[in-house]
Amino acid sequence: MSHTVHPYAHRLGIIRDWKSRWFAGRGKYQSNLKSDVLLREMLDKRFRGMYVASVDIERNEKTLRVIIRTSRPGMLIGRQGEGAQKLRTDLLAFLNKGEHKLGKNQELKIDVEEIRSPESNAAIVAQMIAEGLEKRLPFRRVMKQMIEKVMANRDVKGVRIFCGGRLGGAEMARVEDMKKGQVPLQTLRADIDFAREKAHMTYGDIGIKVWIYKGEVFNKAKN
């Protein structure tokens, strides 16, 4: 029997890198891991609706670097950098309470990277669908329009969108699945971007999953 495996975790070390990159000795591993999890949860809540695709964390003895990838860096940074400054003070306040404190010599660095083509990023596409559903737009129309937008990108070869829950406010929960192009989940060298998101409706949450296939990785290296 086959098992459903997370497309990102399935390709770790093959074509994907870890989202937290650091090495810790025996004493620090637990606190670092807990700090990463709590930090991501806090940033996910804070950045909802800002089209943030991913948060990467890098640590060494002297620095803790938080890399935020978003398609709308202006919303994050704010006018004359006041948004970035507030984010920095909030992060420092968060990191200096509890057992996951920053080390005495450690400094916090925040990098904001812009995503050039948001329509080919699964996390941002999932957030766009959630936004459409929360505005009470018909779910089938939202899914179809999103698939057309994603497939309009040159580097995208296939897309699949899945929605589950009380679709259209129905009494009974059901699932809707749409696909265009190819999405080879079994191929380890296939560059598949995957994301989950929730649309918060008055009658309950609707779960959204997005798979985007961007071709095989070793072909890019050959070209």
Protein backbone atom coordinates (compact mmCIF):
# COMPACT_ATOMS: atom_id res chain seq x y z
CA MET A 1 0.00 0.00 0.00
CA SER A 2 1.24 3.47 -0.80
CA HIS A 3 1.46 6.21 1.82
CA THR A 4 0.77 9.90 1.32
CA VAL A 5 4.05 11.70 1.99
CA HIS A 6 4.64 15.44 2.36
CA PRO A 7 6.19 16.50 -1.00
CA TYR A 8 8.67 18.84 0.70
CA ALA A 9 9.89 16.39 3.36
CA HIS A 10 10.03 13.60 0.76
CA ARG A 11 12.67 15.55 -1.23
CA LEU A 12 14.80 16.84 1.66
CA GLY A 13 18.47 16.35 0.91
CA ILE A 14 17.70 15.46 -2.73
CA ILE A 15 16.52 18.72 -4.29
CA ARG A 16 15.32 20.59 -1.17
CA ASP A 17 17.20 22.16 1.74
CA TRP A 18 16.05 22.41 5.36
CA LYS A 19 14.08 25.50 6.44
CA SER A 20 16.03 25.72 9.71
CA ARG A 21 19.78 25.61 9.19
CA TRP A 22 21.94 25.34 12.31
CA PHE A 23 23.97 22.92 14.37
CA ALA A 24 23.60 22.67 18.14
CA GLY A 25 25.27 20.64 20.82
CA ARG A 26 23.40 18.43 23.26
CA GLY A 27 22.28 21.19 25.62
CA LYS A 28 20.95 23.66 23.03
CA TYR A 29 19.11 21.46 20.54
CA GLN A 30 15.77 21.37 22.41
CA SER A 31 15.63 25.10 23.12
CA ASN A 32 16.64 25.98 19.53
CA LEU A 33 14.00 23.67 18.08
CA LYS A 34 11.29 25.02 20.40
CA SER A 35 12.36 28.58 19.59
CA ASP A 36 12.09 27.90 15.83
CA VAL A 37 8.61 26.37 16.14
CA LEU A 38 7.27 29.20 18.33
CA LEU A 39 8.91 31.85 16.12
CA ARG A 40 7.28 30.41 12.98
CA GLU A 41 3.86 30.23 14.68
CA MET A 42 4.14 33.86 15.79
CA LEU A 43 5.25 35.06 12.34
CA ASP A 44 2.51 33.04 10.56
CA LYS A 45 -0.14 34.84 12.63
CA ARG A 46 1.47 38.22 12.14
CA PHE A 47 1.98 37.91 8.38
CA ARG A 48 -1.46 36.54 7.51
CA GLY A 49 -2.66 38.28 4.34
CA MET A 50 0.79 39.70 3.54
CA TYR A 51 1.63 36.94 1.02
CA VAL A 52 4.65 35.58 2.90
CA ALA A 53 5.79 32.34 1.23
CA SER A 54 8.34 31.04 3.73
CA VAL A 55 10.37 31.86 6.84
CA ASP A 56 13.89 30.39 6.97
CA ILE A 57 16.02 30.45 10.11
CA GLU A 58 19.82 30.28 10.20
CA ARG A 59 21.87 30.27 13.40
CA ASN A 60 25.52 30.31 14.33
CA GLU A 61 27.41 31.34 17.48
CA LYS A 62 27.15 35.07 16.72
CA THR A 63 23.95 35.59 14.71
CA LEU A 64 20.36 34.47 14.35
CA ARG A 65 19.20 35.25 10.82
CA VAL A 66 15.50 35.20 9.88
CA ILE A 67 14.93 35.16 6.11
CA ILE A 68 11.40 36.16 5.07
CA ARG A 69 10.35 35.55 1.46
CA THR A 70 7.36 37.56 0.31
CA SER A 71 5.82 38.92 -2.89
CA ARG A 72 4.95 42.21 -1.13
CA PRO A 73 8.11 43.38 0.65
CA GLY A 74 6.78 46.96 0.83
CA MET A 75 3.98 45.87 3.19
CA LEU A 76 6.52 44.26 5.51
CA ILE A 77 9.17 46.99 5.48
CA GLY A 78 6.72 49.93 5.61
CA ARG A 79 7.43 53.57 4.96
CA GLN A 80 11.09 54.46 5.60
CA GLY A 81 11.59 51.02 7.17
CA GLU A 82 9.33 51.56 10.19
CA GLY A 83 7.60 48.18 9.67
CA ALA A 84 10.95 46.37 9.67
CA GLN A 85 12.03 48.25 12.80
CA LYS A 86 8.82 47.31 14.65
CA LEU A 87 9.19 43.69 13.54
CA ARG A 88 12.75 43.65 14.86
CA THR A 89 11.76 45.01 18.30
CA ASP A 90 8.82 42.55 18.52
CA LEU A 91 11.07 39.61 17.60
CA LEU A 92 13.68 40.65 20.16
CA ALA A 93 11.00 40.94 22.86
CA PHE A 94 9.65 37.52 21.88
CA LEU A 95 13.10 35.86 21.82
CA ASN A 96 14.19 37.30 25.16
CA LYS A 97 11.37 35.74 27.17
CA GLY A 98 11.20 32.07 28.11
CA GLU A 99 13.99 29.53 27.83
CA HIS A 100 14.72 30.25 24.15
CA LYS A 101 16.67 33.43 24.86
CA LEU A 102 19.23 34.80 22.44
CA GLY A 103 22.81 34.19 23.52
CA LYS A 104 24.76 37.09 25.03
CA ASN A 105 26.92 37.54 21.93
CA GLN A 106 24.13 36.77 19.42
CA GLU A 107 22.63 39.44 17.23
CA LEU A 108 19.35 39.26 15.30
CA LYS A 109 19.36 39.85 11.54
CA ILE A 110 16.19 40.06 9.43
CA ASP A 111 16.42 39.67 5.64
CA VAL A 112 13.37 40.32 3.45
CA GLU A 113 13.57 38.72 0.00
CA GLU A 114 11.16 39.47 -2.82
CA ILE A 115 9.47 36.69 -4.81
CA ARG A 116 9.41 37.71 -8.46
CA SER A 117 6.60 35.42 -9.68
CA PRO A 118 4.08 34.93 -6.84
CA GLU A 119 1.70 32.91 -9.07
CA SER A 120 4.24 30.07 -9.28
CA ASN A 121 4.66 29.83 -5.48
CA ALA A 122 2.33 27.33 -3.79
CA ALA A 123 2.12 29.13 -0.41
CA ILE A 124 1.11 32.46 -2.01
CA VAL A 125 -1.38 30.75 -4.35
CA ALA A 126 -2.98 29.00 -1.34
CA GLN A 127 -3.25 32.36 0.46
CA MET A 128 -4.89 33.93 -2.61
CA ILE A 129 -7.48 31.12 -2.72
CA ALA A 130 -8.17 31.53 1.02
CA GLU A 131 -8.64 35.27 0.48
CA GLY A 132 -11.13 34.62 -2.35
CA LEU A 133 -13.12 32.12 -0.27
CA GLU A 134 -13.20 34.48 2.73
CA LYS A 135 -14.68 37.16 0.43
CA ARG A 136 -17.54 34.68 -0.24
CA LEU A 137 -16.66 34.18 -3.93
CA PRO A 138 -17.90 30.89 -5.51
CA PHE A 139 -15.23 28.27 -4.72
CA ARG A 140 -15.22 26.66 -8.20
CA ARG A 141 -14.66 30.00 -9.89
CA VAL A 142 -11.83 30.86 -7.46
CA MET A 143 -10.13 27.51 -8.12
CA LYS A 144 -10.50 27.71 -11.92
CA GLN A 145 -9.23 31.29 -12.12
CA MET A 146 -6.26 30.41 -9.90
CA ILE A 147 -5.34 27.39 -12.05
CA GLU A 148 -5.39 29.58 -15.19
CA LYS A 149 -3.21 32.22 -13.47
CA VAL A 150 -0.69 29.60 -12.32
CA MET A 151 -0.50 27.85 -15.70
CA ALA A 152 0.13 31.22 -17.41
CA ASN A 153 3.67 31.12 -15.92
CA ARG A 154 6.30 29.72 -18.27
CA ASP A 155 8.14 27.69 -15.62
CA VAL A 156 4.99 25.88 -14.38
CA LYS A 157 4.21 22.49 -15.96
CA GLY A 158 1.33 21.37 -13.77
CA VAL A 159 -0.89 22.42 -10.88
CA ARG A 160 -3.36 20.71 -8.56
CA ILE A 161 -5.68 22.47 -6.10
CA PHE A 162 -7.70 20.69 -3.40
CA CYS A 163 -10.36 22.25 -1.17
CA GLY A 164 -12.18 20.41 1.64
CA GLY A 165 -14.83 21.47 4.14
CA ARG A 166 -18.26 23.07 4.10
CA LEU A 167 -17.85 24.37 0.54
CA GLY A 168 -20.42 27.00 -0.40
CA GLY A 169 -21.78 26.91 3.17
CA ALA A 170 -23.29 23.44 2.67
CA GLU A 171 -24.44 21.45 5.72
CA MET A 172 -22.28 18.48 4.77
CA ALA A 173 -18.52 18.78 4.26
CA ARG A 174 -17.12 17.60 0.92
CA VAL A 175 -13.98 17.88 -1.18
CA GLU A 176 -13.29 19.47 -4.55
CA ASP A 177 -10.18 18.70 -6.58
CA MET A 178 -8.94 20.40 -9.78
CA LYS A 179 -5.83 19.63 -11.80
CA LYS A 180 -4.15 20.87 -14.96
CA GLY A 181 -0.92 19.57 -16.50
CA GLN A 182 1.20 16.93 -14.79
CA VAL A 183 2.08 16.56 -11.09
CA PRO A 184 4.48 13.58 -10.71
CA LEU A 185 4.58 13.11 -6.93
CA GLN A 186 6.56 9.84 -7.12
CA THR A 187 9.52 11.37 -8.98
CA LEU A 188 12.12 12.56 -6.47
CA ARG A 189 13.88 14.92 -8.89
CA ALA A 190 10.55 16.63 -9.73
CA ASP A 191 10.51 20.19 -8.35
CA ILE A 192 7.12 20.18 -6.60
CA ASP A 193 6.10 23.14 -4.47
CA PHE A 194 3.42 22.25 -1.90
CA ALA A 195 1.48 24.33 0.62
CA ARG A 196 -1.45 24.05 3.03
CA GLU A 197 -3.71 26.91 4.09
CA LYS A 198 -7.03 27.45 5.89
CA ALA A 199 -9.81 29.82 4.91
CA HIS A 200 -11.54 30.96 8.11
CA MET A 201 -15.29 31.06 7.40
CA THR A 202 -18.14 31.84 9.81
CA TYR A 203 -19.34 28.21 9.58
CA GLY A 204 -15.91 26.62 10.01
CA ASP A 205 -12.54 26.38 8.25
CA ILE A 206 -12.02 25.25 4.67
CA GLY A 207 -8.75 23.38 4.07
CA ILE A 208 -6.72 24.24 0.96
CA LYS A 209 -3.83 22.29 -0.54
CA VAL A 210 -1.80 23.38 -3.57
CA TRP A 211 0.77 21.42 -5.60
CA ILE A 212 2.79 23.21 -8.31
CA TYR A 213 5.15 21.26 -10.60
CA LYS A 214 8.05 23.22 -12.13
CA GLY A 215 9.91 20.56 -14.08
CA GLU A 216 12.78 18.22 -13.22
CA VAL A 217 15.77 19.67 -11.44
CA PHE A 218 18.68 17.95 -13.21
CA ASN A 219 17.42 19.20 -16.59
CA LYS A 220 17.89 22.79 -15.42
CA ALA A 221 21.50 22.06 -14.45
CA LYS A 222 22.18 20.52 -17.90
CA ASN A 223 20.69 23.50 -19.74
